[in-house]
Full PDB file with SEQRES, HELIX, SHEET, SSBOND, CRYST1, ORIGX, SCALE, CONECT and MASTER records, all heavy atoms in Angstrom:
SEQRES   1 A   42  LEU VAL GLN ALA GLY GLY SER LEU ARG LEU SER CYS ALA          
SEQRES   2 A   42  ALA SER ARG SER ILE PHE SER ASP ASN ASP MET GLY TRP          
SEQRES   3 A   42  TYR ARG GLN ALA PRO GLY LYS GLN ARG GLU LEU VAL ALA          
SEQRES   4 A   42  VAL ILE SER                                                  
HELIX    1 AA1 ARG A   16  PHE A   19  1                                   4    
SHEET    1 AA1 2 MET A  24  ARG A  28  0                                        
SHEET    2 AA1 2 GLU A  36  ILE A  41 -1                                        
CRYST1    1.000    1.000    1.000  90.00  90.00  90.00 P 1           1          
ORIGX1      1.000000  0.000000  0.000000        0.00000                         
ORIGX2      0.000000  1.000000  0.000000        0.00000                         
ORIGX3      0.000000  0.000000  1.000000        0.00000                         
SCALE1      1.000000  0.000000  0.000000        0.00000                         
SCALE2      0.000000  1.000000  0.000000        0.00000                         
SCALE3      0.000000  0.000000  1.000000        0.00000                         
ATOM      1  N   LEU A   1      10.396 -18.207 -11.426  1.00  0.00           N  
ATOM      2  CA  LEU A   1       9.462 -17.057 -11.602  1.00  0.00           C  
ATOM      3  C   LEU A   1       9.361 -16.718 -13.080  1.00  0.00           C  
ATOM      4  O   LEU A   1      10.363 -16.537 -13.730  1.00  0.00           O  
ATOM      5  CB  LEU A   1      10.004 -15.865 -10.774  1.00  0.00           C  
ATOM      6  CG  LEU A   1       9.340 -14.581 -10.902  1.00  0.00           C  
ATOM      7  CD1 LEU A   1       7.849 -14.667 -10.468  1.00  0.00           C  
ATOM      8  CD2 LEU A   1      10.061 -13.444 -10.263  1.00  0.00           C  
ATOM      9  N   VAL A   2       8.146 -16.771 -13.559  1.00  0.00           N  
ATOM     10  CA  VAL A   2       7.889 -16.422 -14.998  1.00  0.00           C  
ATOM     11  C   VAL A   2       6.758 -15.500 -15.027  1.00  0.00           C  
ATOM     12  O   VAL A   2       5.871 -15.343 -14.213  1.00  0.00           O  
ATOM     13  CB  VAL A   2       7.660 -17.643 -15.819  1.00  0.00           C  
ATOM     14  CG1 VAL A   2       8.847 -18.579 -15.830  1.00  0.00           C  
ATOM     15  CG2 VAL A   2       6.440 -18.378 -15.333  1.00  0.00           C  
ATOM     16  N   GLN A   3       6.692 -14.746 -16.210  1.00  0.00           N  
ATOM     17  CA  GLN A   3       5.599 -13.921 -16.496  1.00  0.00           C  
ATOM     18  C   GLN A   3       4.391 -14.729 -17.080  1.00  0.00           C  
ATOM     19  O   GLN A   3       4.600 -15.737 -17.692  1.00  0.00           O  
ATOM     20  CB  GLN A   3       5.946 -12.817 -17.542  1.00  0.00           C  
ATOM     21  CG  GLN A   3       6.934 -11.768 -16.926  1.00  0.00           C  
ATOM     22  CD  GLN A   3       7.220 -10.678 -17.953  1.00  0.00           C  
ATOM     23  OE1 GLN A   3       7.506 -10.906 -19.075  1.00  0.00           O  
ATOM     24  NE2 GLN A   3       7.126  -9.445 -17.456  1.00  0.00           N  
ATOM     25  N   ALA A   4       3.183 -14.193 -16.931  1.00  0.00           N  
ATOM     26  CA  ALA A   4       2.025 -14.884 -17.539  1.00  0.00           C  
ATOM     27  C   ALA A   4       2.277 -15.053 -19.041  1.00  0.00           C  
ATOM     28  O   ALA A   4       2.784 -14.143 -19.697  1.00  0.00           O  
ATOM     29  CB  ALA A   4       0.803 -14.038 -17.284  1.00  0.00           C  
ATOM     30  N   GLY A   5       1.908 -16.201 -19.480  1.00  0.00           N  
ATOM     31  CA  GLY A   5       2.146 -16.557 -20.900  1.00  0.00           C  
ATOM     32  C   GLY A   5       3.447 -17.302 -21.165  1.00  0.00           C  
ATOM     33  O   GLY A   5       3.608 -17.837 -22.264  1.00  0.00           O  
ATOM     34  N   GLY A   6       4.281 -17.320 -20.147  1.00  0.00           N  
ATOM     35  CA  GLY A   6       5.609 -17.983 -20.327  1.00  0.00           C  
ATOM     36  C   GLY A   6       5.450 -19.486 -20.113  1.00  0.00           C  
ATOM     37  O   GLY A   6       4.430 -20.042 -19.879  1.00  0.00           O  
ATOM     38  N   SER A   7       6.659 -20.185 -20.171  1.00  0.00           N  
ATOM     39  CA  SER A   7       6.767 -21.581 -20.105  1.00  0.00           C  
ATOM     40  C   SER A   7       7.787 -22.024 -19.077  1.00  0.00           C  
ATOM     41  O   SER A   7       8.795 -21.309 -18.848  1.00  0.00           O  
ATOM     42  CB  SER A   7       7.056 -22.171 -21.433  1.00  0.00           C  
ATOM     43  OG  SER A   7       6.070 -21.911 -22.406  1.00  0.00           O  
ATOM     44  N   LEU A   8       7.581 -23.186 -18.524  1.00  0.00           N  
ATOM     45  CA  LEU A   8       8.559 -23.871 -17.636  1.00  0.00           C  
ATOM     46  C   LEU A   8       8.496 -25.332 -17.886  1.00  0.00           C  
ATOM     47  O   LEU A   8       7.465 -25.897 -18.268  1.00  0.00           O  
ATOM     48  CB  LEU A   8       8.318 -23.598 -16.147  1.00  0.00           C  
ATOM     49  CG  LEU A   8       8.660 -22.246 -15.586  1.00  0.00           C  
ATOM     50  CD1 LEU A   8       8.119 -22.091 -14.185  1.00  0.00           C  
ATOM     51  CD2 LEU A   8      10.167 -21.996 -15.605  1.00  0.00           C  
ATOM     52  N   ARG A   9       9.557 -26.026 -17.703  1.00  0.00           N  
ATOM     53  CA  ARG A   9       9.636 -27.560 -17.790  1.00  0.00           C  
ATOM     54  C   ARG A   9      10.117 -28.043 -16.448  1.00  0.00           C  
ATOM     55  O   ARG A   9      11.237 -27.756 -16.043  1.00  0.00           O  
ATOM     56  CB  ARG A   9      10.520 -27.974 -18.944  1.00  0.00           C  
ATOM     57  CG  ARG A   9      10.577 -29.479 -19.130  1.00  0.00           C  
ATOM     58  CD  ARG A   9      11.348 -29.823 -20.350  1.00  0.00           C  
ATOM     59  NE  ARG A   9      11.281 -31.232 -20.680  1.00  0.00           N  
ATOM     60  CZ  ARG A   9      12.227 -32.127 -20.428  1.00  0.00           C  
ATOM     61  NH1 ARG A   9      13.321 -31.774 -19.737  1.00  0.00           N  
ATOM     62  NH2 ARG A   9      12.102 -33.432 -20.761  1.00  0.00           N  
ATOM     63  N   LEU A  10       9.265 -28.775 -15.782  1.00  0.00           N  
ATOM     64  CA  LEU A  10       9.624 -29.366 -14.485  1.00  0.00           C  
ATOM     65  C   LEU A  10      10.128 -30.809 -14.691  1.00  0.00           C  
ATOM     66  O   LEU A  10       9.666 -31.481 -15.550  1.00  0.00           O  
ATOM     67  CB  LEU A  10       8.420 -29.408 -13.563  1.00  0.00           C  
ATOM     68  CG  LEU A  10       7.658 -28.052 -13.337  1.00  0.00           C  
ATOM     69  CD1 LEU A  10       6.601 -28.247 -12.336  1.00  0.00           C  
ATOM     70  CD2 LEU A  10       8.689 -26.948 -12.879  1.00  0.00           C  
ATOM     71  N   SER A  11      11.112 -31.117 -13.883  1.00  0.00           N  
ATOM     72  CA  SER A  11      11.647 -32.518 -13.868  1.00  0.00           C  
ATOM     73  C   SER A  11      11.488 -33.157 -12.549  1.00  0.00           C  
ATOM     74  O   SER A  11      11.545 -32.474 -11.509  1.00  0.00           O  
ATOM     75  CB  SER A  11      13.094 -32.482 -14.290  1.00  0.00           C  
ATOM     76  OG  SER A  11      13.275 -31.975 -15.562  1.00  0.00           O  
ATOM     77  N   CYS A  12      11.358 -34.453 -12.505  1.00  0.00           N  
ATOM     78  CA  CYS A  12      11.202 -35.277 -11.297  1.00  0.00           C  
ATOM     79  C   CYS A  12      12.088 -36.467 -11.435  1.00  0.00           C  
ATOM     80  O   CYS A  12      11.922 -37.275 -12.416  1.00  0.00           O  
ATOM     81  CB  CYS A  12       9.753 -35.623 -11.045  1.00  0.00           C  
ATOM     82  SG  CYS A  12       9.492 -36.828  -9.693  1.00  0.00           S  
ATOM     83  N   ALA A  13      13.031 -36.629 -10.559  1.00  0.00           N  
ATOM     84  CA  ALA A  13      13.835 -37.851 -10.416  1.00  0.00           C  
ATOM     85  C   ALA A  13      13.264 -38.738  -9.343  1.00  0.00           C  
ATOM     86  O   ALA A  13      13.170 -38.353  -8.204  1.00  0.00           O  
ATOM     87  CB  ALA A  13      15.286 -37.513 -10.158  1.00  0.00           C  
ATOM     88  N   ALA A  14      12.893 -39.916  -9.701  1.00  0.00           N  
ATOM     89  CA  ALA A  14      12.233 -40.799  -8.763  1.00  0.00           C  
ATOM     90  C   ALA A  14      13.132 -42.095  -8.487  1.00  0.00           C  
ATOM     91  O   ALA A  14      13.907 -42.540  -9.374  1.00  0.00           O  
ATOM     92  CB  ALA A  14      10.848 -41.282  -9.256  1.00  0.00           C  
ATOM     93  N   SER A  15      12.916 -42.623  -7.315  1.00  0.00           N  
ATOM     94  CA  SER A  15      13.608 -43.892  -7.059  1.00  0.00           C  
ATOM     95  C   SER A  15      12.933 -44.954  -7.908  1.00  0.00           C  
ATOM     96  O   SER A  15      11.757 -44.886  -8.264  1.00  0.00           O  
ATOM     97  CB  SER A  15      13.543 -44.242  -5.570  1.00  0.00           C  
ATOM     98  OG  SER A  15      12.200 -44.498  -5.208  1.00  0.00           O  
ATOM     99  N   ARG A  16      13.687 -46.076  -8.181  1.00  0.00           N  
ATOM    100  CA  ARG A  16      13.101 -47.093  -8.979  1.00  0.00           C  
ATOM    101  C   ARG A  16      11.931 -47.760  -8.361  1.00  0.00           C  
ATOM    102  O   ARG A  16      10.940 -48.131  -9.083  1.00  0.00           O  
ATOM    103  CB  ARG A  16      14.249 -48.145  -9.252  1.00  0.00           C  
ATOM    104  CG  ARG A  16      13.829 -49.265 -10.204  1.00  0.00           C  
ATOM    105  CD  ARG A  16      14.979 -50.195 -10.517  1.00  0.00           C  
ATOM    106  NE  ARG A  16      14.643 -51.277 -11.354  1.00  0.00           N  
ATOM    107  CZ  ARG A  16      14.132 -52.428 -10.961  1.00  0.00           C  
ATOM    108  NH1 ARG A  16      13.927 -52.657  -9.700  1.00  0.00           N  
ATOM    109  NH2 ARG A  16      13.816 -53.332 -11.895  1.00  0.00           N  
ATOM    110  N   SER A  17      11.879 -47.871  -6.989  1.00  0.00           N  
ATOM    111  CA  SER A  17      10.757 -48.511  -6.353  1.00  0.00           C  
ATOM    112  C   SER A  17       9.473 -47.730  -6.529  1.00  0.00           C  
ATOM    113  O   SER A  17       8.400 -48.343  -6.590  1.00  0.00           O  
ATOM    114  CB  SER A  17      11.041 -48.741  -4.916  1.00  0.00           C  
ATOM    115  OG  SER A  17      11.265 -47.519  -4.249  1.00  0.00           O  
ATOM    116  N   ILE A  18       9.561 -46.449  -6.624  1.00  0.00           N  
ATOM    117  CA  ILE A  18       8.396 -45.555  -6.827  1.00  0.00           C  
ATOM    118  C   ILE A  18       7.956 -45.589  -8.311  1.00  0.00           C  
ATOM    119  O   ILE A  18       6.785 -45.672  -8.594  1.00  0.00           O  
ATOM    120  CB  ILE A  18       8.713 -44.115  -6.405  1.00  0.00           C  
ATOM    121  CG1 ILE A  18       8.912 -44.088  -4.872  1.00  0.00           C  
ATOM    122  CG2 ILE A  18       7.581 -43.167  -6.839  1.00  0.00           C  
ATOM    123  CD1 ILE A  18       9.341 -42.689  -4.403  1.00  0.00           C  
ATOM    124  N   PHE A  19       8.969 -45.570  -9.157  1.00  0.00           N  
ATOM    125  CA  PHE A  19       8.686 -45.290 -10.569  1.00  0.00           C  
ATOM    126  C   PHE A  19       8.248 -46.559 -11.370  1.00  0.00           C  
ATOM    127  O   PHE A  19       7.324 -46.508 -12.162  1.00  0.00           O  
ATOM    128  CB  PHE A  19       9.919 -44.724 -11.238  1.00  0.00           C  
ATOM    129  CG  PHE A  19       9.702 -44.162 -12.603  1.00  0.00           C  
ATOM    130  CD1 PHE A  19       9.371 -42.859 -12.788  1.00  0.00           C  
ATOM    131  CD2 PHE A  19       9.815 -44.929 -13.736  1.00  0.00           C  
ATOM    132  CE1 PHE A  19       9.155 -42.332 -14.017  1.00  0.00           C  
ATOM    133  CE2 PHE A  19       9.685 -44.480 -15.016  1.00  0.00           C  
ATOM    134  CZ  PHE A  19       9.320 -43.172 -15.162  1.00  0.00           C  
ATOM    135  N   SER A  20       8.939 -47.652 -11.144  1.00  0.00           N  
ATOM    136  CA  SER A  20       8.785 -48.823 -12.054  1.00  0.00           C  
ATOM    137  C   SER A  20       7.380 -49.373 -12.066  1.00  0.00           C  
ATOM    138  O   SER A  20       6.757 -49.646 -11.048  1.00  0.00           O  
ATOM    139  CB  SER A  20       9.757 -49.920 -11.593  1.00  0.00           C  
ATOM    140  OG  SER A  20      11.111 -49.422 -11.735  1.00  0.00           O  
ATOM    141  N   ASP A  21       6.834 -49.486 -13.290  1.00  0.00           N  
ATOM    142  CA  ASP A  21       5.557 -50.074 -13.539  1.00  0.00           C  
ATOM    143  C   ASP A  21       4.396 -49.316 -12.889  1.00  0.00           C  
ATOM    144  O   ASP A  21       3.321 -49.905 -12.706  1.00  0.00           O  
ATOM    145  CB  ASP A  21       5.510 -51.558 -13.099  1.00  0.00           C  
ATOM    146  CG  ASP A  21       6.527 -52.379 -13.840  1.00  0.00           C  
ATOM    147  OD1 ASP A  21       6.686 -52.178 -15.079  1.00  0.00           O  
ATOM    148  OD2 ASP A  21       7.187 -53.217 -13.205  1.00  0.00           O  
ATOM    149  N   ASN A  22       4.570 -48.115 -12.488  1.00  0.00           N  
ATOM    150  CA  ASN A  22       3.585 -47.323 -11.799  1.00  0.00           C  
ATOM    151  C   ASN A  22       3.137 -46.145 -12.540  1.00  0.00           C  
ATOM    152  O   ASN A  22       3.904 -45.537 -13.350  1.00  0.00           O  
ATOM    153  CB  ASN A  22       4.060 -46.849 -10.330  1.00  0.00           C  
ATOM    154  CG  ASN A  22       4.265 -48.002  -9.430  1.00  0.00           C  
ATOM    155  OD1 ASN A  22       3.430 -48.901  -9.352  1.00  0.00           O  
ATOM    156  ND2 ASN A  22       5.364 -47.945  -8.649  1.00  0.00           N  
ATOM    157  N   ASP A  23       1.853 -45.669 -12.283  1.00  0.00           N  
ATOM    158  CA  ASP A  23       1.470 -44.313 -12.675  1.00  0.00           C  
ATOM    159  C   ASP A  23       2.324 -43.316 -11.941  1.00  0.00           C  
ATOM    160  O   ASP A  23       2.779 -43.564 -10.852  1.00  0.00           O  
ATOM    161  CB  ASP A  23       0.018 -44.103 -12.340  1.00  0.00           C  
ATOM    162  CG  ASP A  23      -0.962 -44.927 -13.032  1.00  0.00           C  
ATOM    163  OD1 ASP A  23      -0.611 -45.683 -13.998  1.00  0.00           O  
ATOM    164  OD2 ASP A  23      -2.174 -44.814 -12.728  1.00  0.00           O  
ATOM    165  N   MET A  24       2.581 -42.151 -12.609  1.00  0.00           N  
ATOM    166  CA  MET A  24       3.188 -41.048 -11.959  1.00  0.00           C  
ATOM    167  C   MET A  24       2.378 -39.836 -12.199  1.00  0.00           C  
ATOM    168  O   MET A  24       1.843 -39.612 -13.283  1.00  0.00           O  
ATOM    169  CB  MET A  24       4.637 -40.841 -12.476  1.00  0.00           C  
ATOM    170  CG  MET A  24       5.611 -41.982 -11.996  1.00  0.00           C  
ATOM    171  SD  MET A  24       5.886 -41.964 -10.159  1.00  0.00           S  
ATOM    172  CE  MET A  24       6.729 -40.406  -9.899  1.00  0.00           C  
ATOM    173  N   GLY A  25       2.331 -38.982 -11.183  1.00  0.00           N  
ATOM    174  CA  GLY A  25       1.557 -37.754 -11.291  1.00  0.00           C  
ATOM    175  C   GLY A  25       2.256 -36.484 -10.873  1.00  0.00           C  
ATOM    176  O   GLY A  25       3.292 -36.591 -10.154  1.00  0.00           O  
ATOM    177  N   TRP A  26       1.845 -35.388 -11.451  1.00  0.00           N  
ATOM    178  CA  TRP A  26       2.283 -34.087 -10.949  1.00  0.00           C  
ATOM    179  C   TRP A  26       1.109 -33.416 -10.185  1.00  0.00           C  
ATOM    180  O   TRP A  26      -0.035 -33.478 -10.708  1.00  0.00           O  
ATOM    181  CB  TRP A  26       2.693 -33.146 -12.100  1.00  0.00           C  
ATOM    182  CG  TRP A  26       4.053 -33.371 -12.604  1.00  0.00           C  
ATOM    183  CD1 TRP A  26       4.394 -34.145 -13.626  1.00  0.00           C  
ATOM    184  CD2 TRP A  26       5.268 -32.915 -12.046  1.00  0.00           C  
ATOM    185  NE1 TRP A  26       5.816 -34.168 -13.837  1.00  0.00           N  
ATOM    186  CE2 TRP A  26       6.347 -33.403 -12.824  1.00  0.00           C  
ATOM    187  CE3 TRP A  26       5.646 -32.124 -10.907  1.00  0.00           C  
ATOM    188  CZ2 TRP A  26       7.720 -33.105 -12.572  1.00  0.00           C  
ATOM    189  CZ3 TRP A  26       6.967 -31.852 -10.696  1.00  0.00           C  
ATOM    190  CH2 TRP A  26       7.974 -32.329 -11.501  1.00  0.00           C  
ATOM    191  N   TYR A  27       1.433 -32.957  -9.017  1.00  0.00           N  
ATOM    192  CA  TYR A  27       0.494 -32.283  -8.101  1.00  0.00           C  
ATOM    193  C   TYR A  27       0.912 -30.855  -7.876  1.00  0.00           C  
ATOM    194  O   TYR A  27       2.110 -30.544  -8.081  1.00  0.00           O  
ATOM    195  CB  TYR A  27       0.448 -32.980  -6.763  1.00  0.00           C  
ATOM    196  CG  TYR A  27       0.067 -34.482  -6.783  1.00  0.00           C  
ATOM    197  CD1 TYR A  27       0.943 -35.427  -7.259  1.00  0.00           C  
ATOM    198  CD2 TYR A  27      -1.144 -34.892  -6.309  1.00  0.00           C  
ATOM    199  CE1 TYR A  27       0.662 -36.758  -7.244  1.00  0.00           C  
ATOM    200  CE2 TYR A  27      -1.483 -36.244  -6.235  1.00  0.00           C  
ATOM    201  CZ  TYR A  27      -0.570 -37.167  -6.740  1.00  0.00           C  
ATOM    202  OH  TYR A  27      -0.902 -38.495  -6.722  1.00  0.00           O  
ATOM    203  N   ARG A  28       0.021 -30.051  -7.424  1.00  0.00           N  
ATOM    204  CA  ARG A  28       0.416 -28.689  -7.003  1.00  0.00           C  
ATOM    205  C   ARG A  28      -0.398 -28.297  -5.778  1.00  0.00           C  
ATOM    206  O   ARG A  28      -1.518 -28.801  -5.492  1.00  0.00           O  
ATOM    207  CB  ARG A  28       0.193 -27.653  -8.118  1.00  0.00           C  
ATOM    208  CG  ARG A  28      -1.271 -27.425  -8.493  1.00  0.00           C  
ATOM    209  CD  ARG A  28      -1.307 -26.504  -9.778  1.00  0.00           C  
ATOM    210  NE  ARG A  28      -2.653 -26.213 -10.126  1.00  0.00           N  
ATOM    211  CZ  ARG A  28      -2.957 -25.594 -11.233  1.00  0.00           C  
ATOM    212  NH1 ARG A  28      -2.053 -25.166 -12.098  1.00  0.00           N  
ATOM    213  NH2 ARG A  28      -4.209 -25.348 -11.551  1.00  0.00           N  
ATOM    214  N   GLN A  29       0.232 -27.399  -4.987  1.00  0.00           N  
ATOM    215  CA  GLN A  29      -0.488 -26.890  -3.820  1.00  0.00           C  
ATOM    216  C   GLN A  29      -0.193 -25.382  -3.717  1.00  0.00           C  
ATOM    217  O   GLN A  29       0.922 -24.962  -3.556  1.00  0.00           O  
ATOM    218  CB  GLN A  29       0.015 -27.535  -2.561  1.00  0.00           C  
ATOM    219  CG  GLN A  29      -0.795 -27.170  -1.263  1.00  0.00           C  
ATOM    220  CD  GLN A  29      -0.564 -28.080  -0.163  1.00  0.00           C  
ATOM    221  OE1 GLN A  29       0.499 -28.758  -0.022  1.00  0.00           O  
ATOM    222  NE2 GLN A  29      -1.554 -28.198   0.724  1.00  0.00           N  
ATOM    223  N   ALA A  30      -1.259 -24.656  -3.792  1.00  0.00           N  
ATOM    224  CA  ALA A  30      -1.162 -23.215  -3.609  1.00  0.00           C  
ATOM    225  C   ALA A  30      -1.466 -22.798  -2.213  1.00  0.00           C  
ATOM    226  O   ALA A  30      -2.129 -23.587  -1.460  1.00  0.00           O  
ATOM    227  CB  ALA A  30      -2.197 -22.531  -4.503  1.00  0.00           C  
ATOM    228  N   PRO A  31      -0.969 -21.690  -1.707  1.00  0.00           N  
ATOM    229  CA  PRO A  31      -1.203 -21.224  -0.334  1.00  0.00           C  
ATOM    230  C   PRO A  31      -2.733 -21.293   0.021  1.00  0.00           C  
ATOM    231  O   PRO A  31      -3.533 -20.730  -0.752  1.00  0.00           O  
ATOM    232  CB  PRO A  31      -0.682 -19.850  -0.293  1.00  0.00           C  
ATOM    233  CG  PRO A  31       0.403 -19.808  -1.332  1.00  0.00           C  
ATOM    234  CD  PRO A  31      -0.149 -20.656  -2.437  1.00  0.00           C  
ATOM    235  N   GLY A  32      -3.086 -21.894   1.132  1.00  0.00           N  
ATOM    236  CA  GLY A  32      -4.415 -21.942   1.592  1.00  0.00           C  
ATOM    237  C   GLY A  32      -5.309 -22.938   0.899  1.00  0.00           C  
ATOM    238  O   GLY A  32      -6.498 -22.959   1.138  1.00  0.00           O  
ATOM    239  N   LYS A  33      -4.781 -23.667  -0.053  1.00  0.00           N  
ATOM    240  CA  LYS A  33      -5.565 -24.655  -0.786  1.00  0.00           C  
ATOM    241  C   LYS A  33      -4.982 -26.079  -0.588  1.00  0.00           C  
ATOM    242  O   LYS A  33      -3.866 -26.293  -0.246  1.00  0.00           O  
ATOM    243  CB  LYS A  33      -5.526 -24.302  -2.280  1.00  0.00           C  
ATOM    244  CG  LYS A  33      -6.293 -23.012  -2.613  1.00  0.00           C  
ATOM    245  CD  LYS A  33      -6.466 -22.847  -4.095  1.00  0.00           C  
ATOM    246  CE  LYS A  33      -7.303 -21.639  -4.443  1.00  0.00           C  
ATOM    247  NZ  LYS A  33      -7.605 -21.546  -5.928  1.00  0.00           N  
ATOM    248  N   GLN A  34      -5.887 -27.068  -0.859  1.00  0.00           N  
ATOM    249  CA  GLN A  34      -5.434 -28.487  -0.780  1.00  0.00           C  
ATOM    250  C   GLN A  34      -4.599 -28.791  -1.987  1.00  0.00           C  
ATOM    251  O   GLN A  34      -4.733 -28.164  -3.097  1.00  0.00           O  
ATOM    252  CB  GLN A  34      -6.673 -29.351  -0.819  1.00  0.00           C  
ATOM    253  CG  GLN A  34      -7.486 -29.312   0.502  1.00  0.00           C  
ATOM    254  CD  GLN A  34      -8.528 -30.386   0.540  1.00  0.00           C  
ATOM    255  OE1 GLN A  34      -9.483 -30.292  -0.199  1.00  0.00           O  
ATOM    256  NE2 GLN A  34      -8.392 -31.348   1.380  1.00  0.00           N  
ATOM    257  N   ARG A  35      -3.742 -29.770  -1.836  1.00  0.00           N  
ATOM    258  CA  ARG A  35      -3.014 -30.307  -2.948  1.00  0.00           C  
ATOM    259  C   ARG A  35      -3.913 -30.924  -3.969  1.00  0.00           C  
ATOM    260  O   ARG A  35      -4.825 -31.626  -3.606  1.00  0.00           O  
ATOM    261  CB  ARG A  35      -1.995 -31.289  -2.450  1.00  0.00           C  
ATOM    262  CG  ARG A  35      -1.029 -31.838  -3.461  1.00  0.00           C  
ATOM    263  CD  ARG A  35       0.277 -32.381  -2.832  1.00  0.00           C  
ATOM    264  NE  ARG A  35       0.020 -33.079  -1.609  1.00  0.00           N  
ATOM    265  CZ  ARG A  35       0.803 -33.005  -0.523  1.00  0.00           C  
ATOM    266  NH1 ARG A  35       1.860 -32.196  -0.520  1.00  0.00           N  
ATOM    267  NH2 ARG A  35       0.513 -33.686   0.518  1.00  0.00           N  
ATOM    268  N   GLU A  36      -3.663 -30.698  -5.256  1.00  0.00           N  
ATOM    269  CA  GLU A  36      -4.495 -31.257  -6.263  1.00  0.00           C  
ATOM    270  C   GLU A  36      -3.628 -31.933  -7.347  1.00  0.00           C  
ATOM    271  O   GLU A  36      -2.507 -31.480  -7.663  1.00  0.00           O  
ATOM    272  CB  GLU A  36      -5.341 -30.191  -6.934  1.00  0.00           C  
ATOM    273  CG  GLU A  36      -4.655 -29.074  -7.612  1.00  0.00           C  
ATOM    274  CD  GLU A  36      -5.514 -27.973  -8.173  1.00  0.00           C  
ATOM    275  OE1 GLU A  36      -6.783 -28.179  -8.264  1.00  0.00           O  
ATOM    276  OE2 GLU A  36      -5.031 -26.921  -8.631  1.00  0.00           O  
ATOM    277  N   LEU A  37      -4.174 -32.969  -7.914  1.00  0.00           N  
ATOM    278  CA  LEU A  37      -3.506 -33.706  -9.007  1.00  0.00           C  
ATOM    279  C   LEU A  37      -3.763 -32.967 -10.266  1.00  0.00           C  
ATOM    280  O   LEU A  37      -4.968 -32.818 -10.644  1.00  0.00           O  
ATOM    281  CB  LEU A  37      -4.069 -35.163  -9.053  1.00  0.00           C  
ATOM    282  CG  LEU A  37      -3.455 -36.037 -10.122  1.00  0.00           C  
ATOM    283  CD1 LEU A  37      -1.963 -36.278  -9.892  1.00  0.00           C  
ATOM    284  CD2 LEU A  37      -4.191 -37.365 -10.137  1.00  0.00           C  
ATOM    285  N   VAL A  38      -2.739 -32.560 -11.037  1.00  0.00           N  
ATOM    286  CA  VAL A  38      -2.921 -31.765 -12.259  1.00  0.00           C  
ATOM    287  C   VAL A  38      -2.656 -32.610 -13.509  1.00  0.00           C  
ATOM    288  O   VAL A  38      -3.155 -32.284 -14.513  1.00  0.00           O  
ATOM    289  CB  VAL A  38      -2.027 -30.552 -12.262  1.00  0.00           C  
ATOM    290  CG1 VAL A  38      -2.388 -29.645 -11.100  1.00  0.00           C  
ATOM    291  CG2 VAL A  38      -0.548 -30.856 -12.186  1.00  0.00           C  
ATOM    292  N   ALA A  39      -1.827 -33.698 -13.398  1.00  0.00           N  
ATOM    293  CA  ALA A  39      -1.603 -34.516 -14.546  1.00  0.00           C  
ATOM    294  C   ALA A  39      -1.115 -35.872 -14.095  1.00  0.00           C  
ATOM    295  O   ALA A  39      -0.476 -35.954 -13.023  1.00  0.00           O  
ATOM    296  CB  ALA A  39      -0.509 -33.853 -15.445  1.00  0.00           C  
ATOM    297  N   VAL A  40      -1.434 -36.863 -14.800  1.00  0.00           N  
ATOM    298  CA  VAL A  40      -1.047 -38.249 -14.502  1.00  0.00           C  
ATOM    299  C   VAL A  40      -0.685 -38.970 -15.781  1.00  0.00           C  
ATOM    300  O   VAL A  40      -1.298 -38.799 -16.872  1.00  0.00           O  
ATOM    301  CB  VAL A  40      -2.105 -38.990 -13.666  1.00  0.00           C  
ATOM    302  CG1 VAL A  40      -3.363 -39.208 -14.524  1.00  0.00           C  
ATOM    303  CG2 VAL A  40      -1.620 -40.328 -13.204  1.00  0.00           C  
ATOM    304  N   ILE A  41       0.323 -39.784 -15.661  1.00  0.00           N  
ATOM    305  CA  ILE A  41       0.788 -40.627 -16.790  1.00  0.00           C  
ATOM    306  C   ILE A  41       0.942 -42.094 -16.351  1.00  0.00           C  
ATOM    307  O   ILE A  41       1.516 -42.371 -15.309  1.00  0.00           O  
ATOM    308  CB  ILE A  41       2.059 -40.088 -17.454  1.00  0.00           C  
ATOM    309  CG1 ILE A  41       2.444 -40.864 -18.734  1.00  0.00           C  
ATOM    310  CG2 ILE A  41       3.233 -40.020 -16.441  1.00  0.00           C  
ATOM    311  CD1 ILE A  41       3.494 -40.138 -19.554  1.00  0.00           C  
ATOM    312  N   SER A  42       0.380 -42.992 -17.123  1.00  0.00           N  
ATOM    313  CA  SER A  42       0.574 -44.372 -16.786  1.00  0.00           C  
ATOM    314  C   SER A  42       1.893 -44.880 -17.188  1.00  0.00           C  
ATOM    315  O   SER A  42       2.709 -44.292 -17.890  1.00  0.00           O  
ATOM    316  CB  SER A  42      -0.546 -45.187 -17.486  1.00  0.00           C  
ATOM    317  OG  SER A  42      -0.251 -45.347 -18.846  1.00  0.00           O  
TER     318      SER A  42                                                      
MASTER        0    0    0    1    2    0    0    6  317    1    0    4          
END                                                                             
C-alpha cells in the first residue's frame, strides 16, 4: 500500500523452464477488468 506519487519495486522469481531464452512480462488485473500486459522484456 502506497500513496499516490510513491514507488514500489516488484520482484518475480521464475523457474528456469519459464525464464530461459524467453520474453518475460508484467501484467496487472484490477477488479472488474481484464488482465493487461503492462511491460515486457526480451
